[in-house]
Amino acid sequence: MYLRQILHNCARIEDETGRMYDELAELHAGNNELAEFWKGLASDERFHARVLKALSAIMEVDVDDGPFLVTMQSALDRERAKLDEARARVSEGVTELEAQQITAAIEQTELLTVYPELFVMVQERMRGFSRLLDRPDETMGHGHRLDKLESSIEKAAESSADGEKDPARTSRSARAATSRAN
């Protein structure tokens, strides 16, 4: 899986983890301290997801998807399986102790070792993105393409002034007649 896809999948895991923590907060609303703890974790997870989505969006500007990351995908697959199992248990209902154990297991994640490596990979692309921001006229303009267009217009105008007929110009009916003849 490529870097861009890894970022996207990590963001999804963070979002889903946040939803699970919201569910735990609702499930154990009777214990205000624990409910607030899980609401805080859910908020943290949504923030993590937004950061990862922003990094993924920066990658959208790049011309490629980044390096192919086999080992990171394996770590993501393991985390996905752990999260899916935890969410299934939570949906069935869990005690406060079980919920705390699930939370501890989820937060002892391989992703904590994956994220620093991902961030380093994205940093170079962010520097390139930053260079784009430093040159808005070049970034959002068409540069040399419009220069070529202007030159082409000037040449066509000169030819037209000399009385030459533009060979590329044909009427719609002439093109249709040529098409029918072929």
N, C-alpha and C. Protein backbone atom coordinates (compact mmCIF):
# COMPACT_ATOMS: atom_id res chain seq x y z
N MET A 1 0.84 -1.17 0.00
CA MET A 1 0.00 0.00 0.00
C MET A 1 0.89 1.24 0.00
N TYR A 2 0.46 2.25 -0.71
CA TYR A 2 1.24 3.47 -0.84
C TYR A 2 0.99 4.42 0.34
N LEU A 3 1.91 5.35 0.53
CA LEU A 3 1.87 6.29 1.63
C LEU A 3 0.52 7.00 1.72
N ARG A 4 0.02 7.49 0.61
CA ARG A 4 -1.26 8.21 0.63
C ARG A 4 -2.38 7.32 1.16
N GLN A 5 -2.41 6.07 0.73
CA GLN A 5 -3.44 5.15 1.18
C GLN A 5 -3.27 4.80 2.67
N ILE A 6 -2.01 4.68 3.10
CA ILE A 6 -1.74 4.40 4.51
C ILE A 6 -2.28 5.54 5.38
N LEU A 7 -2.02 6.77 4.97
CA LEU A 7 -2.52 7.93 5.73
C LEU A 7 -4.04 7.90 5.80
N HIS A 8 -4.66 7.61 4.68
CA HIS A 8 -6.13 7.55 4.63
C HIS A 8 -6.65 6.46 5.57
N ASN A 9 -6.03 5.29 5.53
CA ASN A 9 -6.47 4.17 6.38
C ASN A 9 -6.22 4.46 7.86
N CYS A 10 -5.11 5.11 8.18
CA CYS A 10 -4.84 5.48 9.57
C CYS A 10 -5.91 6.46 10.06
N ALA A 11 -6.30 7.39 9.23
CA ALA A 11 -7.34 8.35 9.60
C ALA A 11 -8.66 7.63 9.88
N ARG A 12 -8.97 6.65 9.08
CA ARG A 12 -10.20 5.88 9.30
C ARG A 12 -10.15 5.13 10.63
N ILE A 13 -9.00 4.55 10.95
CA ILE A 13 -8.85 3.85 12.23
C ILE A 13 -9.04 4.82 13.39
N GLU A 14 -8.44 6.00 13.27
CA GLU A 14 -8.57 7.00 14.34
C GLU A 14 -10.03 7.43 14.49
N ASP A 15 -10.72 7.67 13.38
CA ASP A 15 -12.14 8.04 13.43
C ASP A 15 -12.98 6.95 14.11
N GLU A 16 -12.75 5.71 13.70
CA GLU A 16 -13.52 4.60 14.25
C GLU A 16 -13.21 4.39 15.73
N THR A 17 -11.96 4.60 16.11
CA THR A 17 -11.60 4.48 17.53
C THR A 17 -12.32 5.56 18.33
N GLY A 18 -12.37 6.77 17.78
CA GLY A 18 -13.10 7.85 18.43
C GLY A 18 -14.57 7.53 18.62
N ARG A 19 -15.19 6.93 17.60
CA ARG A 19 -16.60 6.55 17.72
C ARG A 19 -16.79 5.49 18.80
N MET A 20 -15.83 4.56 18.90
CA MET A 20 -15.92 3.54 19.95
C MET A 20 -15.83 4.19 21.33
N TYR A 21 -14.93 5.16 21.48
CA TYR A 21 -14.82 5.85 22.77
C TYR A 21 -16.09 6.63 23.08
N ASP A 22 -16.71 7.23 22.07
CA ASP A 22 -17.99 7.90 22.29
C ASP A 22 -19.03 6.89 22.80
N GLU A 23 -19.02 5.71 22.19
CA GLU A 23 -19.96 4.66 22.60
C GLU A 23 -19.68 4.23 24.04
N LEU A 24 -18.41 4.11 24.42
CA LEU A 24 -18.08 3.75 25.80
C LEU A 24 -18.53 4.85 26.77
N ALA A 25 -18.39 6.10 26.37
CA ALA A 25 -18.83 7.21 27.22
C ALA A 25 -20.34 7.14 27.45
N GLU A 26 -21.09 6.83 26.39
CA GLU A 26 -22.54 6.69 26.52
C GLU A 26 -22.90 5.48 27.36
N LEU A 27 -22.23 4.39 27.10
CA LEU A 27 -22.50 3.13 27.80
C LEU A 27 -22.28 3.27 29.30
N HIS A 28 -21.31 4.06 29.68
CA HIS A 28 -20.95 4.20 31.10
C HIS A 28 -21.16 5.64 31.57
N ALA A 29 -22.22 6.26 31.08
CA ALA A 29 -22.53 7.65 31.45
C ALA A 29 -22.77 7.79 32.95
N GLY A 30 -23.12 6.72 33.62
CA GLY A 30 -23.36 6.76 35.07
C GLY A 30 -22.09 7.05 35.86
N ASN A 31 -20.95 6.78 35.30
CA ASN A 31 -19.67 7.08 35.95
C ASN A 31 -19.10 8.31 35.24
N ASN A 32 -19.42 9.47 35.77
CA ASN A 32 -19.07 10.72 35.10
C ASN A 32 -17.58 10.84 34.80
N GLU A 33 -16.75 10.40 35.73
CA GLU A 33 -15.29 10.51 35.54
C GLU A 33 -14.84 9.67 34.33
N LEU A 34 -15.31 8.44 34.27
CA LEU A 34 -14.94 7.57 33.13
C LEU A 34 -15.56 8.08 31.83
N ALA A 35 -16.80 8.52 31.90
CA ALA A 35 -17.47 9.02 30.69
C ALA A 35 -16.70 10.22 30.13
N GLU A 36 -16.28 11.13 31.00
CA GLU A 36 -15.51 12.30 30.56
C GLU A 36 -14.15 11.87 30.00
N PHE A 37 -13.55 10.85 30.62
CA PHE A 37 -12.27 10.31 30.13
C PHE A 37 -12.43 9.83 28.69
N TRP A 38 -13.49 9.03 28.44
CA TRP A 38 -13.70 8.50 27.09
C TRP A 38 -14.08 9.60 26.11
N LYS A 39 -14.82 10.59 26.55
CA LYS A 39 -15.14 11.72 25.66
C LYS A 39 -13.86 12.46 25.27
N GLY A 40 -12.95 12.60 26.23
CA GLY A 40 -11.66 13.24 25.94
C GLY A 40 -10.85 12.42 24.93
N LEU A 41 -10.82 11.10 25.14
CA LEU A 41 -10.12 10.23 24.18
C LEU A 41 -10.75 10.32 22.80
N ALA A 42 -12.08 10.35 22.75
CA ALA A 42 -12.77 10.44 21.46
C ALA A 42 -12.38 11.74 20.75
N SER A 43 -12.31 12.81 21.50
CA SER A 43 -11.91 14.10 20.93
C SER A 43 -10.47 14.02 20.40
N ASP A 44 -9.59 13.40 21.18
CA ASP A 44 -8.20 13.22 20.75
C ASP A 44 -8.14 12.42 19.45
N GLU A 45 -8.92 11.36 19.36
CA GLU A 45 -8.90 10.51 18.17
C GLU A 45 -9.40 11.27 16.94
N ARG A 46 -10.43 12.09 17.13
CA ARG A 46 -10.92 12.90 16.00
C ARG A 46 -9.85 13.89 15.55
N PHE A 47 -9.11 14.46 16.52
CA PHE A 47 -8.01 15.36 16.16
C PHE A 47 -6.94 14.60 15.37
N HIS A 48 -6.58 13.40 15.85
CA HIS A 48 -5.59 12.59 15.13
C HIS A 48 -6.06 12.33 13.69
N ALA A 49 -7.34 12.02 13.55
CA ALA A 49 -7.88 11.74 12.21
C ALA A 49 -7.79 12.98 11.33
N ARG A 50 -8.08 14.16 11.89
CA ARG A 50 -8.00 15.40 11.09
C ARG A 50 -6.57 15.66 10.65
N VAL A 51 -5.60 15.42 11.53
CA VAL A 51 -4.19 15.61 11.17
C VAL A 51 -3.83 14.68 10.02
N LEU A 52 -4.21 13.42 10.14
CA LEU A 52 -3.89 12.44 9.10
C LEU A 52 -4.59 12.77 7.78
N LYS A 53 -5.82 13.25 7.86
CA LYS A 53 -6.55 13.65 6.65
C LYS A 53 -5.87 14.85 5.99
N ALA A 54 -5.38 15.78 6.81
CA ALA A 54 -4.68 16.95 6.25
C ALA A 54 -3.39 16.51 5.56
N LEU A 55 -2.67 15.58 6.18
CA LEU A 55 -1.45 15.07 5.55
C LEU A 55 -1.78 14.35 4.25
N SER A 56 -2.85 13.59 4.27
CA SER A 56 -3.28 12.89 3.06
C SER A 56 -3.67 13.90 1.97
N ALA A 57 -4.31 14.99 2.37
CA ALA A 57 -4.69 16.02 1.39
C ALA A 57 -3.45 16.66 0.78
N ILE A 58 -2.43 16.88 1.58
CA ILE A 58 -1.17 17.42 1.04
C ILE A 58 -0.59 16.45 0.02
N MET A 59 -0.72 15.16 0.31
CA MET A 59 -0.22 14.15 -0.62
C MET A 59 -0.99 14.18 -1.94
N GLU A 60 -2.22 14.65 -1.93
CA GLU A 60 -3.02 14.74 -3.16
C GLU A 60 -2.37 15.68 -4.17
N VAL A 61 -1.59 16.65 -3.67
CA VAL A 61 -0.93 17.62 -4.56
C VAL A 61 0.27 16.98 -5.24
N ASP A 62 0.86 15.99 -4.59
CA ASP A 62 2.04 15.34 -5.14
C ASP A 62 1.67 14.54 -6.39
N VAL A 63 2.65 14.34 -7.25
CA VAL A 63 2.39 13.64 -8.51
C VAL A 63 2.33 12.13 -8.34
N ASP A 64 2.83 11.62 -7.21
CA ASP A 64 2.73 10.18 -7.00
C ASP A 64 2.13 9.91 -5.63
N ASP A 65 1.88 8.65 -5.36
CA ASP A 65 1.25 8.25 -4.10
C ASP A 65 2.25 8.01 -2.98
N GLY A 66 3.52 8.26 -3.25
CA GLY A 66 4.54 8.02 -2.25
C GLY A 66 5.03 6.58 -2.31
N PRO A 67 5.92 6.24 -1.39
CA PRO A 67 6.50 4.89 -1.43
C PRO A 67 5.49 3.81 -1.07
N PHE A 68 5.79 2.61 -1.52
CA PHE A 68 4.98 1.43 -1.20
C PHE A 68 5.46 0.90 0.14
N LEU A 69 4.55 0.73 1.09
CA LEU A 69 4.93 0.45 2.47
C LEU A 69 4.33 -0.86 2.95
N VAL A 70 5.03 -1.95 2.69
CA VAL A 70 4.52 -3.28 3.03
C VAL A 70 4.42 -3.47 4.53
N THR A 71 5.47 -3.13 5.27
CA THR A 71 5.46 -3.39 6.71
C THR A 71 4.43 -2.53 7.43
N MET A 72 4.23 -1.32 6.97
CA MET A 72 3.22 -0.46 7.61
C MET A 72 1.82 -1.02 7.38
N GLN A 73 1.59 -1.55 6.20
CA GLN A 73 0.27 -2.13 5.93
C GLN A 73 0.02 -3.31 6.86
N SER A 74 1.04 -4.10 7.12
CA SER A 74 0.88 -5.24 8.03
C SER A 74 0.51 -4.74 9.43
N ALA A 75 1.16 -3.69 9.88
CA ALA A 75 0.84 -3.10 11.20
C ALA A 75 -0.60 -2.58 11.21
N LEU A 76 -1.00 -1.93 10.12
CA LEU A 76 -2.38 -1.43 10.04
C LEU A 76 -3.40 -2.57 10.06
N ASP A 77 -3.08 -3.64 9.37
CA ASP A 77 -3.99 -4.79 9.36
C ASP A 77 -4.16 -5.34 10.77
N ARG A 78 -3.08 -5.43 11.53
CA ARG A 78 -3.16 -5.92 12.91
C ARG A 78 -3.99 -4.96 13.78
N GLU A 79 -3.77 -3.68 13.60
CA GLU A 79 -4.53 -2.69 14.38
C GLU A 79 -6.00 -2.72 13.99
N ARG A 80 -6.28 -2.88 12.71
CA ARG A 80 -7.67 -2.97 12.24
C ARG A 80 -8.35 -4.16 12.89
N ALA A 81 -7.69 -5.31 12.92
CA ALA A 81 -8.28 -6.51 13.52
C ALA A 81 -8.53 -6.29 15.01
N LYS A 82 -7.57 -5.68 15.70
CA LYS A 82 -7.72 -5.41 17.13
C LYS A 82 -8.90 -4.46 17.37
N LEU A 83 -9.01 -3.42 16.55
CA LEU A 83 -10.10 -2.46 16.70
C LEU A 83 -11.44 -3.11 16.39
N ASP A 84 -11.51 -3.91 15.34
CA ASP A 84 -12.77 -4.58 14.99
C ASP A 84 -13.23 -5.48 16.13
N GLU A 85 -12.30 -6.21 16.71
CA GLU A 85 -12.64 -7.08 17.84
C GLU A 85 -13.12 -6.26 19.03
N ALA A 86 -12.44 -5.18 19.32
CA ALA A 86 -12.83 -4.32 20.44
C ALA A 86 -14.21 -3.72 20.21
N ARG A 87 -14.46 -3.23 19.00
CA ARG A 87 -15.77 -2.63 18.70
C ARG A 87 -16.89 -3.66 18.81
N ALA A 88 -16.62 -4.90 18.40
CA ALA A 88 -17.63 -5.96 18.53
C ALA A 88 -17.95 -6.21 20.01
N ARG A 89 -16.93 -6.26 20.82
CA ARG A 89 -17.14 -6.47 22.26
C ARG A 89 -17.93 -5.31 22.87
N VAL A 90 -17.56 -4.08 22.51
CA VAL A 90 -18.23 -2.90 23.05
C VAL A 90 -19.70 -2.88 22.63
N SER A 91 -19.98 -3.25 21.39
CA SER A 91 -21.36 -3.22 20.91
C SER A 91 -22.24 -4.24 21.65
N GLU A 92 -21.63 -5.29 22.19
CA GLU A 92 -22.38 -6.29 22.97
C GLU A 92 -22.60 -5.81 24.40
N GLY A 93 -21.84 -4.79 24.80
CA GLY A 93 -21.92 -4.28 26.17
C GLY A 93 -20.78 -4.85 27.01
N VAL A 94 -20.09 -3.99 27.69
CA VAL A 94 -18.96 -4.40 28.52
C VAL A 94 -19.02 -3.69 29.87
N THR A 95 -18.44 -4.31 30.86
CA THR A 95 -18.37 -3.70 32.18
C THR A 95 -17.36 -2.55 32.13
N GLU A 96 -17.34 -1.75 33.18
CA GLU A 96 -16.37 -0.65 33.24
C GLU A 96 -14.95 -1.19 33.18
N LEU A 97 -14.69 -2.27 33.91
CA LEU A 97 -13.35 -2.85 33.91
C LEU A 97 -12.98 -3.35 32.53
N GLU A 98 -13.89 -4.06 31.87
CA GLU A 98 -13.62 -4.55 30.51
C GLU A 98 -13.39 -3.38 29.55
N ALA A 99 -14.18 -2.33 29.70
CA ALA A 99 -14.02 -1.16 28.85
C ALA A 99 -12.65 -0.52 29.05
N GLN A 100 -12.22 -0.45 30.28
CA GLN A 100 -10.90 0.11 30.56
C GLN A 100 -9.79 -0.77 29.99
N GLN A 101 -9.96 -2.08 30.09
CA GLN A 101 -8.97 -3.01 29.53
C GLN A 101 -8.92 -2.89 28.00
N ILE A 102 -10.08 -2.76 27.39
CA ILE A 102 -10.14 -2.59 25.93
C ILE A 102 -9.42 -1.30 25.55
N THR A 103 -9.68 -0.24 26.29
CA THR A 103 -9.06 1.05 26.01
C THR A 103 -7.54 0.94 26.13
N ALA A 104 -7.07 0.30 27.18
CA ALA A 104 -5.62 0.14 27.37
C ALA A 104 -5.01 -0.65 26.21
N ALA A 105 -5.69 -1.71 25.77
CA ALA A 105 -5.18 -2.52 24.66
C ALA A 105 -5.14 -1.72 23.36
N ILE A 106 -6.19 -0.94 23.12
CA ILE A 106 -6.23 -0.14 21.89
C ILE A 106 -5.14 0.91 21.90
N GLU A 107 -4.92 1.54 23.04
CA GLU A 107 -3.94 2.62 23.12
C GLU A 107 -2.49 2.12 23.14
N GLN A 108 -2.28 0.86 23.39
CA GLN A 108 -0.94 0.28 23.25
C GLN A 108 -0.84 -0.25 21.83
N THR A 109 -0.74 0.69 20.93
CA THR A 109 -0.86 0.39 19.51
C THR A 109 0.48 0.43 18.80
N GLU A 110 0.58 -0.38 17.78
CA GLU A 110 1.75 -0.34 16.91
C GLU A 110 1.82 0.97 16.14
N LEU A 111 0.67 1.61 16.01
CA LEU A 111 0.63 2.85 15.23
C LEU A 111 1.51 3.93 15.86
N LEU A 112 1.74 3.84 17.16
CA LEU A 112 2.62 4.82 17.81
C LEU A 112 4.05 4.72 17.28
N THR A 113 4.43 3.57 16.78
CA THR A 113 5.75 3.43 16.15
C THR A 113 5.69 3.73 14.66
N VAL A 114 4.51 3.58 14.07
CA VAL A 114 4.33 3.83 12.64
C VAL A 114 4.24 5.33 12.36
N TYR A 115 3.53 6.06 13.21
CA TYR A 115 3.28 7.48 12.95
C TYR A 115 4.55 8.31 12.79
N PRO A 116 5.56 8.16 13.66
CA PRO A 116 6.76 8.98 13.45
C PRO A 116 7.39 8.74 12.08
N GLU A 117 7.41 7.50 11.65
CA GLU A 117 7.97 7.17 10.33
C GLU A 117 7.13 7.78 9.21
N LEU A 118 5.81 7.72 9.36
CA LEU A 118 4.92 8.34 8.37
C LEU A 118 5.15 9.84 8.29
N PHE A 119 5.27 10.47 9.44
CA PHE A 119 5.45 11.92 9.46
C PHE A 119 6.75 12.32 8.78
N VAL A 120 7.81 11.55 8.99
CA VAL A 120 9.08 11.85 8.33
C VAL A 120 8.91 11.77 6.81
N MET A 121 8.20 10.75 6.35
CA MET A 121 7.98 10.59 4.91
C MET A 121 7.18 11.75 4.33
N VAL A 122 6.23 12.23 5.09
CA VAL A 122 5.38 13.31 4.60
C VAL A 122 6.10 14.65 4.67
N GLN A 123 7.04 14.80 5.58
CA GLN A 123 7.72 16.09 5.75
C GLN A 123 8.36 16.60 4.46
N GLU A 124 9.01 15.74 3.70
CA GLU A 124 9.64 16.18 2.45
C GLU A 124 8.57 16.67 1.47
N ARG A 125 7.48 15.97 1.41
CA ARG A 125 6.40 16.40 0.53
C ARG A 125 5.78 17.70 1.02
N MET A 126 5.77 17.88 2.33
CA MET A 126 5.26 19.14 2.88
C MET A 126 6.19 20.30 2.53
N ARG A 127 7.49 20.04 2.50
CA ARG A 127 8.43 21.09 2.09
C ARG A 127 8.14 21.49 0.64
N GLY A 128 7.89 20.50 -0.19
CA GLY A 128 7.53 20.80 -1.58
C GLY A 128 6.22 21.57 -1.64
N PHE A 129 5.27 21.20 -0.82
CA PHE A 129 3.99 21.91 -0.76
C PHE A 129 4.21 23.35 -0.29
N SER A 130 5.09 23.51 0.68
CA SER A 130 5.41 24.84 1.19
C SER A 130 6.02 25.71 0.09
N ARG A 131 6.85 25.10 -0.75
CA ARG A 131 7.42 25.86 -1.87
C ARG A 131 6.33 26.33 -2.82
N LEU A 132 5.30 25.52 -2.98
CA LEU A 132 4.16 25.93 -3.81
C LEU A 132 3.48 27.15 -3.21
N LEU A 133 3.36 27.16 -1.89
CA LEU A 133 2.71 28.28 -1.21
C LEU A 133 3.55 29.55 -1.30
N ASP A 134 4.87 29.38 -1.41
CA ASP A 134 5.77 30.53 -1.52
C ASP A 134 5.65 31.22 -2.88
N ARG A 135 5.10 30.53 -3.88
CA ARG A 135 5.02 31.07 -5.24
C ARG A 135 3.59 30.96 -5.77
N PRO A 136 2.66 31.71 -5.20
CA PRO A 136 1.25 31.55 -5.61
C PRO A 136 1.01 31.85 -7.09
N ASP A 137 1.73 32.82 -7.65
CA ASP A 137 1.52 33.14 -9.07
C ASP A 137 1.89 31.96 -9.96
N GLU A 138 3.01 31.32 -9.65
CA GLU A 138 3.42 30.15 -10.43
C GLU A 138 2.53 28.95 -10.14
N THR A 139 2.18 28.79 -8.87
CA THR A 139 1.38 27.63 -8.47
C THR A 139 -0.01 27.66 -9.09
N MET A 140 -0.63 28.81 -9.07
CA MET A 140 -2.01 28.89 -9.54
C MET A 140 -2.14 29.45 -10.95
N GLY A 141 -1.03 29.88 -11.53
CA GLY A 141 -1.05 30.38 -12.90
C GLY A 141 -0.78 29.26 -13.89
N HIS A 142 -0.70 29.64 -15.13
CA HIS A 142 -0.43 28.65 -16.18
C HIS A 142 0.93 28.86 -16.83
N GLY A 143 1.65 29.89 -16.36
CA GLY A 143 3.02 30.13 -16.77
C GLY A 143 3.27 30.02 -18.25
N HIS A 144 4.21 29.17 -18.62
CA HIS A 144 4.68 29.05 -20.01
C HIS A 144 3.59 28.64 -20.99
N ARG A 145 2.55 27.98 -20.52
CA ARG A 145 1.48 27.57 -21.43
C ARG A 145 0.78 28.78 -22.04
N LEU A 146 0.55 29.79 -21.22
CA LEU A 146 -0.10 30.99 -21.74
C LEU A 146 0.85 31.78 -22.62
N ASP A 147 2.16 31.72 -22.33
CA ASP A 147 3.14 32.36 -23.21
C ASP A 147 3.07 31.73 -24.60
N LYS A 148 2.97 30.40 -24.65
CA LYS A 148 2.87 29.70 -25.94
C LYS A 148 1.58 30.09 -26.65
N LEU A 149 0.50 30.21 -25.89
CA LEU A 149 -0.77 30.59 -26.49
C LEU A 149 -0.68 31.99 -27.07
N GLU A 150 -0.09 32.91 -26.31
CA GLU A 150 0.05 34.29 -26.80
C GLU A 150 0.89 34.33 -28.07
N SER A 151 1.96 33.56 -28.11
CA SER A 151 2.81 33.50 -29.29
C SER A 151 2.03 32.95 -30.49
N SER A 152 1.25 31.93 -30.23
CA SER A 152 0.46 31.32 -31.30
C SER A 152 -0.58 32.31 -31.83
N ILE A 153 -1.18 33.08 -30.94
CA ILE A 153 -2.17 34.08 -31.36
C ILE A 153 -1.49 35.14 -32.21
N GLU A 154 -0.30 35.59 -31.79
CA GLU A 154 0.43 36.60 -32.55
C GLU A 154 0.77 36.10 -33.96
N LYS A 155 1.22 34.85 -34.06
CA LYS A 155 1.56 34.28 -35.36
C LYS A 155 0.32 34.19 -36.24
N ALA A 156 -0.79 33.75 -35.65
CA ALA A 156 -2.03 33.62 -36.43
C ALA A 156 -2.51 35.00 -36.90
N ALA A 157 -2.37 35.99 -36.04
CA ALA A 157 -2.78 37.36 -36.41
C ALA A 157 -1.91 37.89 -37.54
N GLU A 158 -0.61 37.61 -37.50
CA GLU A 158 0.29 38.05 -38.56
C GLU A 158 -0.07 37.37 -39.88
N SER A 159 -0.34 36.08 -39.83
CA SER A 159 -0.72 35.34 -41.04
C SER A 159 -2.02 35.87 -41.60
N SER A 160 -2.95 36.14 -40.74
CA SER A 160 -4.24 36.66 -41.17
C SER A 160 -4.08 38.04 -41.80
N ALA A 161 -3.21 38.85 -41.23
CA ALA A 161 -2.97 40.19 -41.78
C ALA A 161 -2.31 40.11 -43.15
N ASP A 162 -1.53 39.04 -43.38
CA ASP A 162 -0.87 38.86 -44.67
C ASP A 162 -1.83 38.25 -45.70
N GLY A 163 -3.06 37.98 -45.30
CA GLY A 163 -4.05 37.45 -46.24
C GLY A 163 -4.06 35.94 -46.32
N GLU A 164 -3.27 35.25 -45.50
CA GLU A 164 -3.26 33.78 -45.52
C GLU A 164 -4.49 33.26 -44.81
N LYS A 165 -5.05 32.18 -45.34
CA LYS A 165 -6.18 31.54 -44.70
C LYS A 165 -5.64 30.50 -43.72
N ASP A 166 -6.24 30.47 -42.56
CA ASP A 166 -5.83 29.52 -41.51
C ASP A 166 -6.24 28.12 -41.96
N PRO A 167 -5.26 27.24 -42.24
CA PRO A 167 -5.61 25.90 -42.73
C PRO A 167 -6.32 25.06 -41.67
N ALA A 168 -6.16 25.40 -40.41
CA ALA A 168 -6.79 24.62 -39.35
C ALA A 168 -8.25 25.00 -39.18
N ARG A 169 -8.66 26.09 -39.81
CA ARG A 169 -10.02 26.58 -39.63
C ARG A 169 -10.94 25.99 -40.69
N THR A 170 -11.90 25.27 -40.24
CA THR A 170 -12.91 24.75 -41.15
C THR A 170 -14.26 24.90 -40.47
N SER A 171 -15.27 24.98 -41.27
CA SER A 171 -16.61 25.12 -40.69
C SER A 171 -17.09 23.76 -40.22
N ARG A 172 -18.09 23.78 -39.39
CA ARG A 172 -18.67 22.55 -38.88
C ARG A 172 -19.23 21.72 -40.04
N SER A 173 -19.87 22.37 -41.02
CA SER A 173 -20.46 21.63 -42.14
C SER A 173 -19.37 21.02 -43.02
N ALA A 174 -18.21 21.71 -43.17
CA ALA A 174 -17.11 21.16 -43.96
C ALA A 174 -16.52 19.94 -43.27
N ARG A 175 -16.40 20.00 -41.94
CA ARG A 175 -15.87 18.85 -41.20
C ARG A 175 -16.84 17.67 -41.29
N ALA A 176 -18.13 17.95 -41.24
CA ALA A 176 -19.14 16.88 -41.33
C ALA A 176 -19.12 16.24 -42.72
N ALA A 177 -18.96 17.06 -43.75
CA ALA A 177 -18.91 16.53 -45.13
C ALA A 177 -17.70 15.65 -45.29
N THR A 178 -16.56 16.09 -44.76
CA THR A 178 -15.33 15.29 -44.84
C THR A 178 -15.50 13.98 -44.10
N SER A 179 -16.15 14.03 -42.97
CA SER A 179 -16.38 12.84 -42.16
C SER A 179 -17.28 11.85 -42.89
N ARG A 180 -18.34 12.36 -43.56
CA ARG A 180 -19.26 11.49 -44.31
C ARG A 180 -18.58 10.86 -45.50
N ALA A 181 -17.66 11.60 -46.13
CA ALA A 181 -16.96 11.11 -47.31
C ALA A 181 -16.02 9.97 -46.94
N ASN A 182 -15.52 10.00 -45.73
CA ASN A 182 -14.59 8.93 -45.30
C ASN A 182 -15.38 7.77 -44.85
